[in-house]
Protein backbone atom coordinates (compact mmCIF):
# COMPACT_ATOMS: atom_id res chain seq x y z
CA MET A 1 121.45 60.42 -110.29
CA LEU A 2 125.17 60.91 -110.18
CA LYS A 3 125.29 58.26 -112.91
CA THR A 4 122.75 60.11 -115.07
CA CYS A 5 124.84 63.14 -115.15
CA LEU A 6 128.18 61.57 -115.66
CA ALA A 7 126.46 59.43 -118.37
CA ILE A 8 125.96 62.76 -120.55
CA CYS A 9 128.86 64.70 -119.75
CA VAL A 10 130.40 63.93 -123.05
CA PHE A 11 127.98 66.57 -124.79
CA ILE A 12 129.24 70.13 -124.82
CA LEU A 13 126.41 72.27 -125.94
CA CYS A 14 126.40 75.80 -127.12
CA PHE A 15 122.90 77.00 -126.10
CA PRO A 16 121.62 79.39 -123.54
CA VAL A 17 122.23 78.16 -119.91
CA HIS A 18 119.75 80.30 -118.31
CA ALA A 19 122.49 81.51 -115.82
CA GLY A 20 121.27 84.39 -113.47
CA ASN A 21 117.63 83.49 -113.72
CA SER A 22 117.45 80.31 -111.77
CA CYS A 23 118.34 78.96 -108.16
CA VAL A 24 118.86 75.57 -106.57
CA VAL A 25 116.47 74.80 -103.69
CA LEU A 26 117.52 72.18 -101.26
CA GLN A 27 115.21 70.18 -99.22
CA TYR A 28 116.12 68.71 -95.86
CA HIS A 29 114.12 67.07 -92.83
CA HIS A 30 116.17 65.79 -90.05
CA PHE A 31 119.82 66.69 -89.13
CA SER A 32 120.95 63.76 -87.34
CA ASP A 33 122.66 60.45 -87.12
CA ALA A 34 119.80 58.86 -85.04
CA THR A 35 116.78 59.64 -87.01
CA PRO A 36 115.34 57.72 -89.90
CA ALA A 37 117.86 57.53 -92.83
CA ILE A 38 115.36 57.97 -95.64
CA THR A 39 114.62 61.67 -94.39
CA SER A 40 117.95 62.40 -92.62
CA VAL A 41 121.30 64.01 -93.41
CA THR A 42 124.19 63.23 -90.96
CA LEU A 43 125.94 66.19 -89.47
CA GLN A 44 128.88 65.16 -91.25
CA GLN A 45 127.14 65.41 -94.60
CA PHE A 46 125.47 68.75 -93.62
CA ASP A 47 128.82 70.27 -92.70
CA ALA A 48 130.30 69.20 -96.02
CA HIS A 49 127.45 70.81 -97.71
CA LEU A 50 127.87 74.04 -96.10
CA GLN A 51 131.54 73.89 -96.53
CA TYR A 52 131.34 73.36 -100.20
CA LEU A 53 128.84 76.19 -100.57
CA GLU A 54 131.17 78.50 -98.69
CA ASP A 55 134.39 77.42 -100.56
CA ASN A 56 132.73 77.94 -103.96
CA SER A 57 131.21 81.31 -103.32
CA PHE A 58 127.62 80.33 -103.53
CA THR A 59 124.84 82.89 -102.54
CA VAL A 60 122.58 81.33 -100.10
CA MET A 61 119.37 83.31 -100.43
CA PRO A 62 115.88 83.31 -98.38
CA LEU A 63 113.40 81.45 -100.47
CA ARG A 64 110.88 84.17 -100.48
CA GLU A 65 113.41 86.60 -102.22
CA VAL A 66 114.09 83.99 -104.78
CA VAL A 67 110.51 83.47 -105.51
CA ALA A 68 109.98 87.23 -105.79
CA ALA A 69 112.96 87.52 -108.15
CA LEU A 70 111.65 84.66 -110.25
CA ARG A 71 108.23 86.34 -110.59
CA ASN A 72 109.49 89.67 -111.34
CA ARG A 73 112.19 88.07 -113.70
CA ALA A 74 114.86 89.89 -111.82
CA ALA A 75 118.51 88.69 -111.96
CA LEU A 76 119.78 85.98 -109.65
CA PRO A 77 123.30 85.44 -108.43
CA GLU A 78 125.16 83.20 -110.80
CA HIS A 79 125.42 80.51 -108.09
CA CYS A 80 122.19 80.82 -106.24
CA VAL A 81 121.07 78.31 -103.44
CA SER A 82 118.27 78.37 -100.94
CA ILE A 83 117.80 75.94 -97.89
CA SER A 84 114.45 74.73 -97.11
CA VAL A 85 113.54 72.17 -94.21
CA ASP A 86 110.16 70.45 -94.00
CA ASP A 87 108.33 69.48 -90.77
CA ALA A 88 110.11 71.54 -88.04
CA TYR A 89 111.89 68.71 -86.26
CA ILE A 90 113.92 69.57 -83.29
CA SER A 91 117.14 68.67 -85.02
CA VAL A 92 116.65 71.65 -86.97
CA TYR A 93 116.87 74.03 -84.06
CA ARG A 94 119.59 72.05 -82.46
CA ASN A 95 121.89 71.16 -85.23
CA ALA A 96 120.98 73.11 -88.43
CA TYR A 97 120.25 76.50 -87.02
CA PRO A 98 123.53 77.17 -85.18
CA ARG A 99 125.48 76.28 -88.13
CA LEU A 100 123.47 78.61 -90.36
CA LYS A 101 123.36 81.30 -87.78
CA LYS A 102 127.35 81.18 -87.39
CA ARG A 103 127.37 81.80 -91.15
CA GLY A 104 124.77 84.43 -91.34
CA TRP A 105 122.76 82.33 -93.84
CA PRO A 106 118.99 82.15 -94.03
CA MET A 107 116.82 79.15 -93.88
CA THR A 108 113.11 78.51 -94.73
CA VAL A 109 111.27 75.93 -92.59
CA PHE A 110 107.89 74.49 -93.50
CA VAL A 111 106.00 73.85 -90.46
CA ASN A 112 103.25 71.26 -89.99
CA THR A 113 101.49 72.94 -87.00
CA GLN A 114 99.71 69.97 -85.39
CA GLY A 115 102.87 68.41 -84.06
CA VAL A 116 103.95 71.84 -82.65
CA ASP A 117 100.78 72.56 -81.01
CA GLN A 118 100.52 69.06 -79.56
CA GLY A 119 103.97 69.75 -77.99
CA ILE A 120 105.42 66.50 -79.42
CA PRO A 121 109.17 66.41 -78.49
CA ALA A 122 110.22 65.48 -82.02
CA TYR A 123 109.19 68.94 -82.93
CA MET A 124 110.40 72.36 -82.16
CA SER A 125 108.32 74.63 -79.99
CA TRP A 126 106.87 78.05 -81.04
CA GLU A 127 109.03 79.79 -78.55
CA GLN A 128 112.14 78.30 -80.35
CA MET A 129 110.91 79.45 -83.66
CA ARG A 130 110.49 82.90 -82.53
CA GLU A 131 113.98 83.04 -81.45
CA MET A 132 115.14 81.64 -84.74
CA SER A 133 112.87 84.23 -86.80
CA LYS A 134 115.28 86.96 -85.37
CA HIS A 135 118.11 85.36 -87.04
CA GLY A 136 117.36 84.85 -90.66
CA VAL A 137 114.97 81.76 -90.42
CA THR A 138 111.64 82.06 -92.07
CA PHE A 139 108.55 79.96 -91.31
CA GLU A 140 106.14 78.77 -94.07
CA ASN A 141 103.14 76.69 -94.45
CA HIS A 142 103.28 72.69 -94.63
CA GLY A 143 99.63 72.23 -93.62
CA HIS A 144 98.21 71.40 -90.26
CA GLY A 145 98.08 67.63 -90.09
CA HIS A 146 100.75 66.61 -92.58
CA ILE A 147 98.06 64.71 -94.49
CA HIS A 148 98.11 63.02 -97.93
CA MET A 149 96.36 65.96 -99.86
CA ILE A 150 95.58 64.35 -102.95
CA ARG A 151 93.93 61.21 -101.22
CA PRO A 152 90.03 61.76 -100.53
CA LEU A 153 88.65 60.01 -97.69
CA GLN A 154 86.18 56.98 -98.14
CA GLY A 155 82.94 58.36 -99.35
CA GLU A 156 84.20 61.91 -99.56
CA SER A 157 82.97 64.17 -102.39
CA ASP A 158 84.96 66.41 -104.51
CA HIS A 159 83.66 69.45 -102.71
CA GLN A 160 84.14 67.94 -99.28
CA TRP A 161 87.72 67.07 -100.03
CA ARG A 162 88.42 70.57 -101.18
CA VAL A 163 86.90 71.96 -98.10
CA ARG A 164 88.91 69.77 -95.85
CA ILE A 165 92.20 70.34 -97.59
CA GLY A 166 91.49 74.17 -97.49
CA ASP A 167 90.63 74.03 -93.96
CA ASP A 168 93.80 72.15 -93.15
CA ILE A 169 96.09 74.71 -94.93
CA ARG A 170 94.18 77.85 -93.53
CA LEU A 171 94.53 76.51 -90.01
CA ALA A 172 98.37 76.17 -90.50
CA GLN A 173 98.44 79.46 -91.96
CA GLN A 174 96.52 80.97 -88.95
CA ARG A 175 98.72 79.31 -86.24
CA ILE A 176 102.15 80.38 -88.01
CA THR A 177 100.94 83.88 -88.32
CA ARG A 178 99.67 84.18 -84.95
CA GLU A 179 102.85 82.46 -83.29
CA THR A 180 105.63 84.06 -85.36
CA GLY A 181 103.91 87.25 -86.35
CA SER A 182 104.62 86.73 -90.16
CA ALA A 183 101.87 85.31 -92.46
CA PRO A 184 103.46 82.51 -94.71
CA GLN A 185 103.76 83.13 -98.28
CA LEU A 186 104.97 79.59 -99.37
CA PHE A 187 103.47 76.25 -99.06
CA ALA A 188 105.30 72.75 -99.34
CA TYR A 189 102.90 69.70 -100.20
CA PRO A 190 103.35 66.83 -97.59
CA TYR A 191 105.04 63.97 -99.07
CA GLY A 192 105.40 66.06 -102.26
CA GLU A 193 101.85 65.10 -103.40
CA TYR A 194 99.82 67.34 -105.29
CA ASN A 195 97.39 67.58 -108.26
CA PRO A 196 95.82 70.51 -110.22
CA ALA A 197 92.94 70.80 -107.77
CA SER A 198 95.51 71.27 -104.68
CA ILE A 199 97.42 73.84 -106.86
CA GLU A 200 94.21 75.76 -107.38
CA ILE A 201 93.55 75.61 -103.63
CA ILE A 202 96.77 77.00 -102.39
CA GLY A 203 96.61 79.59 -105.27
CA GLN A 204 93.24 80.80 -103.96
CA ILE A 205 94.81 81.05 -100.49
CA GLY A 206 97.59 83.16 -101.91
CA LEU A 207 100.45 80.69 -101.63
CA VAL A 208 103.21 79.58 -103.90
CA GLY A 209 103.78 75.76 -103.86
CA PHE A 210 106.76 73.38 -103.60
CA GLY A 211 106.99 69.79 -104.28
CA GLN A 212 109.80 67.21 -103.87
CA GLN A 213 110.67 66.59 -107.57
CA SER A 214 114.35 67.73 -108.28
CA GLY A 215 115.56 70.54 -110.51
CA PRO A 216 116.31 74.05 -110.09
CA VAL A 217 113.70 76.92 -109.96
CA TRP A 218 113.23 79.35 -112.84
CA PRO A 219 110.75 81.76 -114.34
CA GLY A 220 109.36 79.02 -116.78
CA ALA A 221 108.49 76.62 -113.83
CA ASN A 222 105.04 76.03 -112.44
CA PHE A 223 104.75 78.34 -109.21
CA GLY A 224 102.18 75.87 -107.97
CA ALA A 225 104.73 73.09 -107.65
CA LEU A 226 108.18 74.48 -107.73
CA PRO A 227 111.03 71.84 -107.70
CA ARG A 228 113.45 71.13 -104.78
CA PHE A 229 116.25 68.74 -104.49
CA PRO A 230 115.61 66.26 -101.68
CA MET A 231 118.70 65.76 -99.31
CA ALA A 232 118.83 62.61 -97.36
CA ALA A 233 121.00 59.37 -97.06
CA GLN A 234 122.86 58.50 -100.30
CA TYR A 235 121.21 61.40 -102.14
CA ALA A 236 123.03 63.75 -99.94
CA GLU A 237 126.41 62.36 -100.70
CA MET A 238 129.02 64.97 -101.76
CA PRO A 239 129.44 63.76 -105.41
CA GLY A 240 125.79 64.16 -106.11
CA PHE A 241 125.36 67.23 -103.98
CA LYS A 242 128.02 69.02 -106.17
CA ILE A 243 126.29 68.29 -109.35
CA LYS A 244 122.85 69.15 -107.96
CA VAL A 245 123.78 72.71 -106.64
CA ASN A 246 125.26 73.50 -109.76
CA THR A 247 122.25 72.52 -112.02
CA LEU A 248 120.52 74.86 -114.46
CA PRO A 249 116.88 74.57 -115.79
CA LEU A 250 116.12 72.43 -118.73
CA PRO A 251 114.09 74.97 -120.84
CA VAL A 252 110.77 73.12 -120.71
CA VAL A 253 107.76 74.97 -122.24
CA SER A 254 105.14 72.32 -121.24
CA ALA A 255 105.06 68.89 -119.70
CA GLU A 256 101.88 66.45 -120.03
CA PRO A 257 100.13 64.94 -118.27
CA VAL A 258 99.66 67.92 -116.06
CA ASP A 259 98.14 65.86 -113.23
CA PRO A 260 100.92 63.51 -111.99
CA LEU A 261 98.46 61.07 -110.42
CA THR A 262 98.37 57.85 -112.43
CA PRO A 263 94.91 56.15 -111.53
CA VAL A 264 95.65 52.65 -112.08
CA GLN A 265 98.73 50.26 -111.87
CA PRO A 266 100.05 48.40 -113.64
CA GLY A 267 100.87 51.07 -116.35
CA ARG A 268 103.44 52.87 -118.45
CA PRO A 269 102.47 56.39 -118.47
CA VAL A 270 103.78 58.55 -121.26
CA LEU A 271 105.48 61.84 -120.54
CA THR A 272 105.38 64.41 -123.27
CA VAL A 273 107.91 67.32 -123.02
CA THR A 274 108.09 70.34 -125.25
CA LEU A 275 111.39 72.39 -125.09
CA GLU A 276 112.16 76.09 -126.17
CA PRO A 277 113.19 76.05 -129.78
CA GLY A 278 117.04 76.37 -130.24
CA SER A 279 117.70 75.70 -126.56
CA TYR A 280 118.79 72.14 -126.77
CA SER A 281 120.51 69.32 -128.93
CA PRO A 282 118.48 66.28 -129.37
CA SER A 283 121.24 63.95 -128.94
CA GLY A 284 122.05 65.72 -125.68
CA ILE A 285 118.85 64.91 -123.81
CA GLN A 286 118.80 61.78 -121.49
CA CYS A 287 115.90 60.58 -119.44
CA PHE A 288 115.76 58.19 -116.54
CA ILE A 289 112.74 56.73 -114.89
CA SER A 290 113.30 54.80 -111.54
CA GLY A 291 116.89 54.37 -112.40
CA ASP A 292 116.38 53.07 -116.05
CA ASN A 293 117.87 54.95 -119.10
CA VAL A 294 114.69 55.74 -121.27
CA GLU A 295 115.40 56.92 -124.80
CA PRO A 296 113.48 60.00 -125.74
CA ASP A 297 111.17 59.64 -128.68
CA TRP A 298 111.40 62.79 -130.70
CA SER A 299 108.15 63.71 -132.48
CA ALA A 300 108.41 63.97 -136.47
CA GLU A 301 105.53 66.40 -136.64
CA TYR A 302 106.50 68.84 -133.60
CA PRO A 303 110.25 69.05 -133.86
CA ASP A 304 110.75 70.43 -130.20
CA ARG A 305 108.77 67.74 -128.64
CA PHE A 306 109.56 64.25 -127.35
CA THR A 307 107.90 61.56 -125.28
CA VAL A 308 109.30 58.99 -122.73
CA MET A 309 107.63 55.87 -121.37
CA PRO A 310 108.85 53.46 -118.69
CA LYS A 311 110.15 50.17 -120.05
CA PHE A 312 108.05 48.36 -117.45
CA GLY A 313 104.81 48.83 -115.66
CA LEU A 314 105.57 51.01 -112.56
CA GLN A 315 104.74 49.75 -109.09
CA PRO A 316 102.44 51.74 -106.84
CA GLY A 317 104.19 54.67 -105.37
CA ARG A 318 105.91 57.84 -106.13
CA HIS A 319 108.03 57.93 -109.21
CA ARG A 320 110.12 60.66 -110.89
CA ILE A 321 111.19 61.09 -114.53
CA ASN A 322 114.42 62.89 -114.62
CA CYS A 323 115.67 64.46 -117.79
CA THR A 324 119.07 66.11 -118.18
CA MET A 325 121.28 67.75 -120.53
CA ALA A 326 124.93 68.71 -120.53
CA SER A 327 125.50 72.48 -120.32
CA GLN A 328 128.24 74.43 -122.15
CA GLN A 329 129.70 75.24 -118.78
CA PRO A 330 131.94 72.20 -117.80
CA GLY A 331 130.38 70.33 -114.77
CA ARG A 332 126.94 71.92 -115.10
CA PHE A 333 123.73 70.40 -116.32
CA HIS A 334 120.36 71.30 -117.20
CA TRP A 335 117.70 69.35 -115.20
CA TYR A 336 114.02 68.58 -115.24
CA SER A 337 111.95 66.36 -113.10
CA HIS A 338 108.37 65.10 -113.37
CA ASN A 339 106.35 63.52 -110.76
CA LEU A 340 104.18 60.43 -111.30
CA PHE A 341 102.01 59.11 -108.40
CA VAL A 342 100.83 55.73 -109.29
CA ARG A 343 97.86 53.98 -107.48
CA LYS A 344 97.22 50.50 -107.07
CA ALA A 345 95.46 48.26 -109.81
CA ASP A 346 92.29 48.11 -107.49
CA GLY A 347 92.25 51.95 -107.23
CA GLY A 348 93.82 51.62 -103.83
CA TRP A 349 96.70 54.18 -102.46
CA TYR A 350 100.24 53.15 -102.17
CA ALA A 351 102.09 53.28 -98.80
CA GLU A 352 103.68 56.55 -97.53
CA TYR A 353 107.20 55.66 -98.48
């Protein structure tokens, strides 16, 4: 996305930046040079991330406090960042935790409890998590079995699917509460996959949801699927990192389709976005789909609305539409990301990665 932001830096806009009511949430998995690159940051990368945040006076906040501030529309620091980690891998304890503890910075870990309960060596132990909880680390819900939540089993009815998904989340809720003494308030969707029904389920349990689409969180975002910036491999390199941690929300009022699941492939799904009046310049908006620059098509009937569509049929898998706009603050950009989960032409599911 670096080329995305650099491509629009010629625009200097004079619109509200939503500073003080947004925060960038970073999403990590592994902290190691020896784990799969697609879900890992090297220790050199992570050290550079932390040093940049420290050198540039970022406020690193607990994720629960960020969510509470957004819900109450309370002010947030001008340069706000929250650090989150999915899956509770052992490298979190060995490598991330000591670095954050040294700085006195908080971290949120979303735990899929099955791997921990089974004592799989790749995961932390409950004892280690109890130690970390005394030093600024909060443990939240990532489901029990780390399942593809939006995928029903063969022959499974909608009711059966809802019961199974709800049971998986509630089991993780019970295990984390019992082992750490603190009931989770937040939920991260495994693989970043969600739909309106899964949002409804976590809402009934009393949880706020997080996906893996990029962009900062702000009061206008969907609290059933809040965005985070994934940090791994080339997406964790410093030029892109600096841009991402300084982003501001693109003032999106609505985005359709609400359900990111595209039932059949091949296809060219259309995204319709409505922005806050007076908060943008049409010439300043640029959108990218799977790396391709896609020109927004502005509505003649609705002046604050545009549509974007892929140039070609999307392959089965997870895709994101990223729309950005230069801020009036040099080096900062407004950012919105929308998920598309594309199924195969025969209705089958795509691979995990």
